[in-house]
């Protein structure tokens, strides 16, 4: 078992509703098109497949998809959308769990590599991706760029959402390279807010490139989003593609 925090039944049941803004067909279309093109005629493997937010619609596009998921509760929500024959899922951690066969694409979206709280585990995740890839296959990660330049001296918190129904901010342990995401989410109409938090190990693009090199992968492409916007100093996230040599 890795250091990833385990998603509970309550969190899994709320997940799709709370992430509705990024789960609509319009929001998902650029990611699905990007991933489907890389998968080609081959199979895709999603690390931390969760409730199938990406994997299920990608399968509907005709790409054979399998998944690895640490939380049985998240996988149970996925099962309501697709059966085992349609989208097989292996319960386990994405750093060490092995799925039979080879894949032309392994992908890990929505900052999920940061759920692995040590550098060694993140390196193991890259090695596990390389283990599953056929020669010439690609590993794709979607990840936020750490917003550390928003931290003036002495400040340890950065807000990322201030809205009527949600207040979110990250606090940083700069020496440990760990952030904690804090969420205050409005529950119902009675005005009460529910507080949750999660730990993450953030990593810079250059650090991920070194992890990829350790795993025998080479950077092929890095863009700022699924639409292919060029990655610049001002980009707040990146979509990176590493390739296994032929």
Protein backbone atom coordinates (compact mmCIF):
# COMPACT_ATOMS: atom_id res chain seq x y z
CA UNK A 1 0.00 0.00 0.00
CA UNK A 2 1.31 3.46 -0.86
CA UNK A 3 0.95 6.61 1.21
CA UNK A 4 -2.12 7.74 -0.79
CA UNK A 5 -5.06 8.70 1.39
CA UNK A 6 -7.93 6.27 0.93
CA UNK A 7 -11.20 7.71 -0.37
CA UNK A 8 -14.14 6.84 1.87
CA UNK A 9 -17.63 5.74 0.85
CA UNK A 10 -19.04 9.17 1.75
CA UNK A 11 -16.44 10.98 -0.36
CA UNK A 12 -16.93 8.60 -3.30
CA UNK A 13 -20.69 9.13 -3.26
CA UNK A 14 -20.23 12.92 -3.37
CA UNK A 15 -17.40 12.98 -5.90
CA UNK A 16 -19.28 13.21 -9.20
CA UNK A 17 -21.64 15.92 -7.96
CA UNK A 18 -18.85 18.04 -6.49
CA UNK A 19 -16.70 17.72 -9.63
CA UNK A 20 -19.60 18.41 -11.99
CA UNK A 21 -17.93 21.47 -13.52
CA UNK A 22 -15.10 19.36 -14.97
CA UNK A 23 -17.24 16.34 -15.80
CA UNK A 24 -19.66 17.76 -18.36
CA UNK A 25 -19.32 16.52 -21.97
CA UNK A 26 -18.15 19.99 -23.02
CA UNK A 27 -15.45 20.13 -20.34
CA UNK A 28 -14.25 16.59 -21.02
CA UNK A 29 -14.18 16.73 -24.82
CA UNK A 30 -10.64 18.18 -25.23
CA UNK A 31 -9.16 15.58 -22.84
CA UNK A 32 -11.02 12.72 -24.49
CA UNK A 33 -9.90 13.79 -27.96
CA UNK A 34 -6.29 14.16 -26.77
CA UNK A 35 -6.22 10.75 -25.11
CA UNK A 36 -8.08 8.93 -27.90
CA UNK A 37 -5.60 10.20 -30.47
CA UNK A 38 -2.67 8.91 -28.43
CA UNK A 39 -4.33 5.55 -27.77
CA UNK A 40 -4.94 5.02 -31.48
CA UNK A 41 -6.02 1.45 -32.14
CA UNK A 42 -4.50 0.21 -28.87
CA UNK A 43 -5.60 -0.14 -25.26
CA UNK A 44 -5.52 2.56 -22.57
CA UNK A 45 -4.85 2.13 -18.86
CA UNK A 46 -5.98 4.79 -16.39
CA UNK A 47 -4.11 5.03 -13.11
CA UNK A 48 -6.50 6.06 -10.29
CA UNK A 49 -9.54 5.60 -12.52
CA UNK A 50 -11.83 6.71 -9.69
CA UNK A 51 -15.52 6.88 -10.55
CA UNK A 52 -14.78 6.65 -14.27
CA UNK A 53 -15.13 10.37 -14.93
CA UNK A 54 -12.68 10.07 -17.86
CA UNK A 55 -12.41 6.32 -18.41
CA UNK A 56 -16.11 5.66 -19.06
CA UNK A 57 -16.61 8.30 -21.78
CA UNK A 58 -13.25 7.37 -23.33
CA UNK A 59 -14.47 3.78 -23.55
CA UNK A 60 -17.66 5.03 -25.22
CA UNK A 61 -15.46 6.62 -27.89
CA UNK A 62 -14.25 3.16 -28.79
CA UNK A 63 -10.96 3.06 -26.85
CA UNK A 64 -10.57 -0.15 -24.77
CA UNK A 65 -9.90 1.12 -21.24
CA UNK A 66 -8.79 -0.65 -18.07
CA UNK A 67 -8.21 0.95 -14.70
CA UNK A 68 -6.33 0.72 -11.42
CA UNK A 69 -8.07 2.19 -8.36
CA UNK A 70 -7.02 2.22 -4.71
CA UNK A 71 -10.48 2.92 -3.26
CA UNK A 72 -13.07 0.18 -3.52
CA UNK A 73 -15.72 2.81 -2.83
CA UNK A 74 -14.71 4.87 -5.87
CA UNK A 75 -14.65 1.72 -8.01
CA UNK A 76 -18.14 0.82 -6.78
CA UNK A 77 -19.46 4.13 -8.13
CA UNK A 78 -17.76 3.40 -11.46
CA UNK A 79 -19.47 -0.01 -11.56
CA UNK A 80 -22.84 1.73 -11.76
CA UNK A 81 -21.74 3.20 -15.08
CA UNK A 82 -19.82 0.32 -16.69
CA UNK A 83 -19.54 -3.39 -15.94
CA UNK A 84 -16.31 -5.37 -15.61
CA UNK A 85 -16.37 -6.56 -19.22
CA UNK A 86 -16.75 -3.00 -20.47
CA UNK A 87 -14.11 -1.41 -18.22
CA UNK A 88 -12.11 -3.84 -16.06
CA UNK A 89 -10.69 -2.42 -12.84
CA UNK A 90 -7.98 -3.85 -10.58
CA UNK A 91 -8.10 -2.68 -6.96
CA UNK A 92 -4.64 -1.57 -5.88
CA UNK A 93 -2.20 1.32 -5.84
CA UNK A 94 -0.97 2.92 -9.05
CA UNK A 95 2.71 2.66 -8.09
CA UNK A 96 2.93 -1.14 -7.94
CA UNK A 97 -0.28 -2.82 -9.17
CA UNK A 98 0.08 -4.73 -12.43
CA UNK A 99 -2.69 -5.21 -15.01
CA UNK A 100 -2.31 -8.01 -17.60
CA UNK A 101 -1.29 -7.10 -21.13
CA UNK A 102 0.33 -4.14 -22.85
CA UNK A 103 -1.08 -0.68 -23.51
CA UNK A 104 -0.39 2.05 -26.04
CA UNK A 105 -1.45 4.67 -23.48
CA UNK A 106 -1.23 5.00 -19.71
CA UNK A 107 -2.68 8.20 -18.28
CA UNK A 108 -3.07 9.94 -14.95
CA UNK A 109 -5.27 13.05 -14.82
CA UNK A 110 -6.40 15.83 -12.50
CA UNK A 111 -3.29 16.12 -10.29
CA UNK A 112 -3.65 12.55 -9.06
CA UNK A 113 0.07 11.74 -9.03
CA UNK A 114 0.30 14.15 -6.09
CA UNK A 115 -1.72 11.66 -4.03
CA UNK A 116 1.56 9.73 -3.75
CA UNK A 117 3.20 11.54 -0.85
CA UNK A 118 6.85 10.57 -1.39
CA UNK A 119 9.25 11.04 -4.26
CA UNK A 120 10.11 7.34 -4.25
CA UNK A 121 6.45 6.42 -4.77
CA UNK A 122 6.09 8.91 -7.61
CA UNK A 123 9.17 7.43 -9.28
CA UNK A 124 7.64 3.97 -8.81
CA UNK A 125 4.49 5.24 -10.52
CA UNK A 126 6.50 6.23 -13.59
CA UNK A 127 8.21 2.83 -13.57
CA UNK A 128 4.83 1.13 -13.32
CA UNK A 129 3.57 3.11 -16.29
CA UNK A 130 6.63 2.12 -18.31
CA UNK A 131 6.11 -1.53 -17.29
CA UNK A 132 2.63 -1.49 -18.84
CA UNK A 133 3.50 0.37 -22.04
CA UNK A 134 4.14 -1.32 -25.36
CA UNK A 135 7.20 -0.02 -27.23
CA UNK A 136 6.34 3.43 -28.57
CA UNK A 137 3.52 3.83 -26.03
CA UNK A 138 2.89 7.04 -24.10
CA UNK A 139 2.41 8.06 -20.48
CA UNK A 140 0.31 11.20 -19.94
CA UNK A 141 0.00 13.28 -16.77
CA UNK A 142 -2.21 16.32 -16.13
CA UNK A 143 -0.82 18.37 -13.25
CA UNK A 144 -1.04 21.84 -11.74
CA UNK A 145 2.11 23.95 -11.64
CA UNK A 146 2.82 24.70 -7.94
CA UNK A 147 1.60 28.29 -7.35
CA UNK A 148 4.52 29.21 -5.13
CA UNK A 149 5.08 32.66 -6.60
CA UNK A 150 1.75 33.66 -5.01
CA UNK A 151 3.41 33.14 -1.63
CA UNK A 152 5.01 36.36 -0.31
CA UNK A 153 7.55 35.95 2.51
CA UNK A 154 5.88 34.63 5.63
CA UNK A 155 2.67 33.46 3.89
CA UNK A 156 1.87 29.75 3.71
CA UNK A 157 -1.63 29.71 2.13
CA UNK A 158 -2.91 30.30 -1.41
CA UNK A 159 -6.67 30.44 -2.20
CA UNK A 160 -7.79 28.62 -5.36
CA UNK A 161 -11.57 29.04 -5.13
CA UNK A 162 -13.67 31.65 -3.36
CA UNK A 163 -17.30 31.21 -4.37
CA UNK A 164 -20.73 31.13 -2.76
CA UNK A 165 -20.75 27.38 -2.25
CA UNK A 166 -17.06 26.67 -1.72
CA UNK A 167 -13.92 28.11 -0.19
CA UNK A 168 -10.68 26.33 -1.10
CA UNK A 169 -7.10 27.12 -0.25
CA UNK A 170 -3.76 25.29 -0.16
CA UNK A 171 -1.20 25.47 2.64
CA UNK A 172 2.41 24.61 1.87
CA UNK A 173 5.26 22.83 3.60
CA UNK A 174 8.04 24.10 1.35
CA UNK A 175 10.82 21.97 2.77
CA UNK A 176 8.78 18.78 2.60
CA UNK A 177 7.30 19.68 -0.81
CA UNK A 178 3.83 18.85 0.51
CA UNK A 179 0.65 20.88 0.29
CA UNK A 180 -2.66 20.41 2.06
CA UNK A 181 -5.83 21.36 0.18
CA UNK A 182 -8.53 22.70 2.50
CA UNK A 183 -12.17 22.78 1.44
CA UNK A 184 -15.16 24.45 3.06
CA UNK A 185 -18.19 23.29 1.08
CA UNK A 186 -21.74 24.48 1.66
CA UNK A 187 -24.11 21.63 2.53
CA UNK A 188 -27.75 22.22 1.66
CA UNK A 189 -29.60 25.45 2.27
CA UNK A 190 -29.13 25.72 6.03
CA UNK A 191 -25.93 27.72 5.66
CA UNK A 192 -23.64 25.13 7.25
CA UNK A 193 -20.30 24.28 5.67
CA UNK A 194 -18.52 20.94 5.62
CA UNK A 195 -14.73 20.99 6.08
CA UNK A 196 -12.44 18.49 4.35
CA UNK A 197 -8.75 18.38 3.55
CA UNK A 198 -6.27 16.25 1.61
CA UNK A 199 -2.48 15.97 1.44
CA UNK A 200 -0.49 16.11 -1.79
CA UNK A 201 3.18 16.01 -2.80
CA UNK A 202 3.68 18.62 -5.50
CA UNK A 203 6.35 18.30 -8.18
CA UNK A 204 7.74 20.58 -10.86
CA UNK A 205 7.74 19.59 -14.55
CA UNK A 206 11.53 19.20 -14.52
CA UNK A 207 11.32 16.78 -11.58
CA UNK A 208 8.74 14.69 -13.46
CA UNK A 209 11.03 14.62 -16.50
CA UNK A 210 13.79 13.15 -14.34
CA UNK A 211 11.36 10.56 -12.95
CA UNK A 212 10.46 9.67 -16.52
CA UNK A 213 14.13 9.31 -17.46
CA UNK A 214 14.68 6.97 -14.50
CA UNK A 215 11.78 4.87 -15.84
CA UNK A 216 13.23 4.81 -19.36
CA UNK A 217 10.74 7.30 -20.84
CA UNK A 218 11.46 10.43 -22.89
CA UNK A 219 9.52 13.69 -22.92
CA UNK A 220 7.68 14.01 -26.22
CA UNK A 221 5.35 16.95 -25.62
CA UNK A 222 4.26 19.41 -22.94
CA UNK A 223 1.32 21.77 -23.35
CA UNK A 224 -0.66 24.01 -21.01
CA UNK A 225 -4.01 22.22 -21.40
CA UNK A 226 -5.87 19.52 -23.31
CA UNK A 227 -6.49 21.98 -26.16
CA UNK A 228 -2.76 22.10 -26.87
CA UNK A 229 -2.11 25.68 -25.74
CA UNK A 230 1.67 26.28 -25.60
CA UNK A 231 3.21 25.83 -22.16
CA UNK A 232 4.80 29.06 -20.87
CA UNK A 233 6.11 30.64 -17.67
CA UNK A 234 2.56 31.82 -16.93
CA UNK A 235 0.85 28.42 -17.36
CA UNK A 236 -0.98 27.23 -14.28
CA UNK A 237 -0.96 23.56 -15.28
CA UNK A 238 0.54 21.23 -17.86
CA UNK A 239 -0.33 18.11 -19.79
CA UNK A 240 2.88 16.17 -20.38
CA UNK A 241 3.49 13.20 -22.66
CA UNK A 242 6.43 10.84 -22.26
CA UNK A 243 7.16 8.05 -24.71
CA UNK A 244 8.65 4.59 -24.31
CA UNK A 245 11.37 3.95 -26.91
CA UNK A 246 10.52 1.66 -29.81
